[in-house]
Amino acid sequence: MTEPKLRNIGPKSAAWLRQVGLRSREELAAAGTVDAFMRVKRAGFKPSLNLLYALEGALLDCHWQDVPDARRSELVAAAEAAIALLPPPRGRPAAGPVTLTMMAHEDPVPAHADNDEPDHAQN
């Protein structure tokens, strides 16, 4: 973001916003809170919900903690809906349930495997 500095927007958030083409309060206002948040997310950054609240607070010129709970809920619901529409990351399938399998030739790990003694001590 360029001068003047927006409330709630620190150096890291400002850098993210610049990198997604939002360089002024006017550009941020035109995009809106959720779209600005989603631009950052789609760019590969990992913003937390605090950025969502900070952006709203910047547009309302209030501290991000003063954004009303009802508005926060609206923002979270809108962001979650937008996130659900994102394609899965490239090169990786969507995560599925994790299952543990054991190869037929593997022995189960003995209960005492966490000590330094070999599994089959020889006398």
C-alpha atoms as a PDB file:
ATOM      1  CA  MET A   1       0.000   0.000   0.000  1.00  0.00           C
ATOM      2  CA  THR A   2       1.195   3.516  -0.619  1.00  0.00           C
ATOM      3  CA  GLU A   3       0.914   6.605   1.572  1.00  0.00           C
ATOM      4  CA  PRO A   4      -0.935   7.290   3.735  1.00  0.00           C
ATOM      5  CA  LYS A   5      -0.487   4.154   5.774  1.00  0.00           C
ATOM      6  CA  LEU A   6      -3.691   2.286   6.413  1.00  0.00           C
ATOM      7  CA  ARG A   7      -4.731   1.361   9.903  1.00  0.00           C
ATOM      8  CA  ASN A   8      -4.109  -2.312  10.811  1.00  0.00           C
ATOM      9  CA  ILE A   9      -1.922  -2.911   7.757  1.00  0.00           C
ATOM     10  CA  GLY A  10       1.640  -3.752   8.737  1.00  0.00           C
ATOM     11  CA  PRO A  11       4.643  -4.171   6.456  1.00  0.00           C
ATOM     12  CA  LYS A  12       3.976  -7.832   5.625  1.00  0.00           C
ATOM     13  CA  SER A  13       0.303  -7.277   4.810  1.00  0.00           C
ATOM     14  CA  ALA A  14       1.160  -4.168   2.802  1.00  0.00           C
ATOM     15  CA  ALA A  15       3.724  -6.151   0.782  1.00  0.00           C
ATOM     16  CA  TRP A  16       1.158  -8.891   0.082  1.00  0.00           C
ATOM     17  CA  LEU A  17      -1.390  -6.303  -1.038  1.00  0.00           C
ATOM     18  CA  ARG A  18       1.131  -4.581  -3.316  1.00  0.00           C
ATOM     19  CA  GLN A  19       2.029  -7.913  -4.879  1.00  0.00           C
ATOM     20  CA  VAL A  20      -1.622  -8.568  -5.758  1.00  0.00           C
ATOM     21  CA  GLY A  21      -2.072  -5.111  -7.277  1.00  0.00           C
ATOM     22  CA  LEU A  22      -3.712  -3.279  -4.372  1.00  0.00           C
ATOM     23  CA  ARG A  23      -1.573  -0.220  -3.786  1.00  0.00           C
ATOM     24  CA  SER A  24      -3.989   2.342  -2.364  1.00  0.00           C
ATOM     25  CA  ARG A  25      -7.002   2.641  -0.099  1.00  0.00           C
ATOM     26  CA  GLU A  26      -9.117   3.369  -3.173  1.00  0.00           C
ATOM     27  CA  GLU A  27      -7.998   0.131  -4.844  1.00  0.00           C
ATOM     28  CA  LEU A  28      -8.652  -1.791  -1.630  1.00  0.00           C
ATOM     29  CA  ALA A  29     -12.125  -0.253  -1.303  1.00  0.00           C
ATOM     30  CA  ALA A  30     -12.930  -1.052  -4.936  1.00  0.00           C
ATOM     31  CA  ALA A  31     -11.909  -4.686  -4.437  1.00  0.00           C
ATOM     32  CA  GLY A  32     -13.645  -5.067  -1.102  1.00  0.00           C
ATOM     33  CA  THR A  33     -12.499  -6.918   1.970  1.00  0.00           C
ATOM     34  CA  VAL A  34     -13.178 -10.490   0.872  1.00  0.00           C
ATOM     35  CA  ASP A  35     -11.867 -10.060  -2.671  1.00  0.00           C
ATOM     36  CA  ALA A  36      -8.662  -8.467  -1.370  1.00  0.00           C
ATOM     37  CA  PHE A  37      -8.234 -11.350   1.091  1.00  0.00           C
ATOM     38  CA  MET A  38      -8.852 -13.889  -1.674  1.00  0.00           C
ATOM     39  CA  ARG A  39      -6.354 -12.205  -4.001  1.00  0.00           C
ATOM     40  CA  VAL A  40      -3.704 -12.630  -1.308  1.00  0.00           C
ATOM     41  CA  LYS A  41      -4.697 -16.249  -0.763  1.00  0.00           C
ATOM     42  CA  ARG A  42      -4.777 -17.082  -4.496  1.00  0.00           C
ATOM     43  CA  ALA A  43      -1.313 -15.537  -4.856  1.00  0.00           C
ATOM     44  CA  GLY A  44       0.009 -18.341  -2.663  1.00  0.00           C
ATOM     45  CA  PHE A  45       0.361 -16.481   0.610  1.00  0.00           C
ATOM     46  CA  LYS A  46      -1.192 -17.954   3.738  1.00  0.00           C
ATOM     47  CA  PRO A  47      -3.213 -15.155   5.324  1.00  0.00           C
ATOM     48  CA  SER A  48      -5.019 -15.770   8.586  1.00  0.00           C
ATOM     49  CA  LEU A  49      -8.461 -14.482   9.440  1.00  0.00           C
ATOM     50  CA  ASN A  50      -6.715 -11.589  11.186  1.00  0.00           C
ATOM     51  CA  LEU A  51      -5.891 -10.195   7.730  1.00  0.00           C
ATOM     52  CA  LEU A  52      -9.566 -10.386   6.823  1.00  0.00           C
ATOM     53  CA  TYR A  53     -10.492  -8.405   9.930  1.00  0.00           C
ATOM     54  CA  ALA A  54      -7.572  -5.993   9.443  1.00  0.00           C
ATOM     55  CA  LEU A  55      -8.696  -5.220   5.889  1.00  0.00           C
ATOM     56  CA  GLU A  56     -12.241  -4.543   7.062  1.00  0.00           C
ATOM     57  CA  GLY A  57     -10.933  -2.376   9.900  1.00  0.00           C
ATOM     58  CA  ALA A  58      -8.734  -0.473   7.440  1.00  0.00           C
ATOM     59  CA  LEU A  59     -11.750   0.290   5.271  1.00  0.00           C
ATOM     60  CA  LEU A  60     -13.841   1.275   8.296  1.00  0.00           C
ATOM     61  CA  ASP A  61     -10.905   3.191   9.839  1.00  0.00           C
ATOM     62  CA  CYS A  62     -11.168   1.264  13.106  1.00  0.00           C
ATOM     63  CA  HIS A  63      -8.986  -1.210  14.971  1.00  0.00           C
ATOM     64  CA  TRP A  64      -9.463  -4.733  13.596  1.00  0.00           C
ATOM     65  CA  GLN A  65     -10.678  -5.942  17.010  1.00  0.00           C
ATOM     66  CA  ASP A  66     -13.484  -3.369  16.864  1.00  0.00           C
ATOM     67  CA  VAL A  67     -15.069  -4.938  13.776  1.00  0.00           C
ATOM     68  CA  PRO A  68     -18.462  -6.125  15.094  1.00  0.00           C
ATOM     69  CA  ASP A  69     -18.883  -9.865  15.653  1.00  0.00           C
ATOM     70  CA  ALA A  70     -21.827 -10.037  13.251  1.00  0.00           C
ATOM     71  CA  ARG A  71     -19.717  -8.471  10.500  1.00  0.00           C
ATOM     72  CA  ARG A  72     -16.822 -10.809  11.291  1.00  0.00           C
ATOM     73  CA  SER A  73     -19.168 -13.771  10.882  1.00  0.00           C
ATOM     74  CA  GLU A  74     -20.346 -12.422   7.517  1.00  0.00           C
ATOM     75  CA  LEU A  75     -16.765 -11.963   6.351  1.00  0.00           C
ATOM     76  CA  VAL A  76     -15.719 -15.449   7.458  1.00  0.00           C
ATOM     77  CA  ALA A  77     -18.733 -17.040   5.737  1.00  0.00           C
ATOM     78  CA  ALA A  78     -18.005 -15.149   2.511  1.00  0.00           C
ATOM     79  CA  ALA A  79     -14.291 -16.044   2.642  1.00  0.00           C
ATOM     80  CA  GLU A  80     -15.041 -19.717   3.349  1.00  0.00           C
ATOM     81  CA  ALA A  81     -17.464 -19.814   0.396  1.00  0.00           C
ATOM     82  CA  ALA A  82     -14.816 -18.272  -1.861  1.00  0.00           C
ATOM     83  CA  ILE A  83     -12.120 -20.645  -0.577  1.00  0.00           C
ATOM     84  CA  ALA A  84     -14.376 -23.638  -1.301  1.00  0.00           C
ATOM     85  CA  LEU A  85     -14.424 -22.582  -4.956  1.00  0.00           C
ATOM     86  CA  LEU A  86     -10.631 -22.582  -5.262  1.00  0.00           C
ATOM     87  CA  PRO A  87      -9.150 -25.438  -7.285  1.00  0.00           C
ATOM     88  CA  PRO A  88      -6.924 -27.893  -5.414  1.00  0.00           C
ATOM     89  CA  PRO A  89      -3.217 -27.038  -5.414  1.00  0.00           C
ATOM     90  CA  ARG A  90      -1.436 -28.008  -8.636  1.00  0.00           C
ATOM     91  CA  GLY A  91       0.469 -31.236  -8.679  1.00  0.00           C
ATOM     92  CA  ARG A  92      -1.241 -32.505  -5.574  1.00  0.00           C
ATOM     93  CA  PRO A  93      -4.623 -34.204  -5.395  1.00  0.00           C
ATOM     94  CA  ALA A  94      -7.109 -33.012  -2.838  1.00  0.00           C
ATOM     95  CA  ALA A  95      -6.357 -34.538   0.543  1.00  0.00           C
ATOM     96  CA  GLY A  96      -8.226 -37.692   1.429  1.00  0.00           C
ATOM     97  CA  PRO A  97      -8.425 -39.754   4.579  1.00  0.00           C
ATOM     98  CA  VAL A  98      -5.116 -41.001   5.900  1.00  0.00           C
ATOM     99  CA  THR A  99      -4.743 -44.739   6.389  1.00  0.00           C
ATOM    100  CA  LEU A 100      -1.752 -46.632   7.661  1.00  0.00           C
ATOM    101  CA  THR A 101      -0.787 -49.804   5.883  1.00  0.00           C
ATOM    102  CA  MET A 102       1.905 -52.329   6.621  1.00  0.00           C
ATOM    103  CA  MET A 103       3.771 -54.228   3.966  1.00  0.00           C
ATOM    104  CA  ALA A 104       3.388 -58.019   4.253  1.00  0.00           C
ATOM    105  CA  HIS A 105       7.116 -58.505   4.872  1.00  0.00           C
ATOM    106  CA  GLU A 106       7.367 -55.881   7.642  1.00  0.00           C
ATOM    107  CA  ASP A 107       7.382 -56.847  11.286  1.00  0.00           C
ATOM    108  CA  PRO A 108       5.384 -54.633  13.596  1.00  0.00           C
ATOM    109  CA  VAL A 109       7.483 -52.254  15.676  1.00  0.00           C
ATOM    110  CA  PRO A 110       8.063 -53.844  19.098  1.00  0.00           C
ATOM    111  CA  ALA A 111       6.734 -52.009  22.127  1.00  0.00           C
ATOM    112  CA  HIS A 112      10.274 -51.433  23.410  1.00  0.00           C
ATOM    113  CA  ALA A 113      11.510 -49.926  20.110  1.00  0.00           C
ATOM    114  CA  ASP A 114      12.083 -46.532  21.681  1.00  0.00           C
ATOM    115  CA  ASN A 115      15.093 -47.674  23.715  1.00  0.00           C
ATOM    116  CA  ASP A 116      18.637 -47.988  22.400  1.00  0.00           C
ATOM    117  CA  GLU A 117      18.887 -51.793  22.630  1.00  0.00           C
ATOM    118  CA  PRO A 118      18.680 -53.866  19.457  1.00  0.00           C
ATOM    119  CA  ASP A 119      15.430 -55.750  18.879  1.00  0.00           C
ATOM    120  CA  HIS A 120      17.142 -59.175  18.938  1.00  0.00           C
ATOM    121  CA  ALA A 121      19.893 -59.064  21.552  1.00  0.00           C
ATOM    122  CA  GLN A 122      22.464 -61.838  21.148  1.00  0.00           C
ATOM    123  CA  ASN A 123      24.208 -63.361  24.133  1.00  0.00           C
END
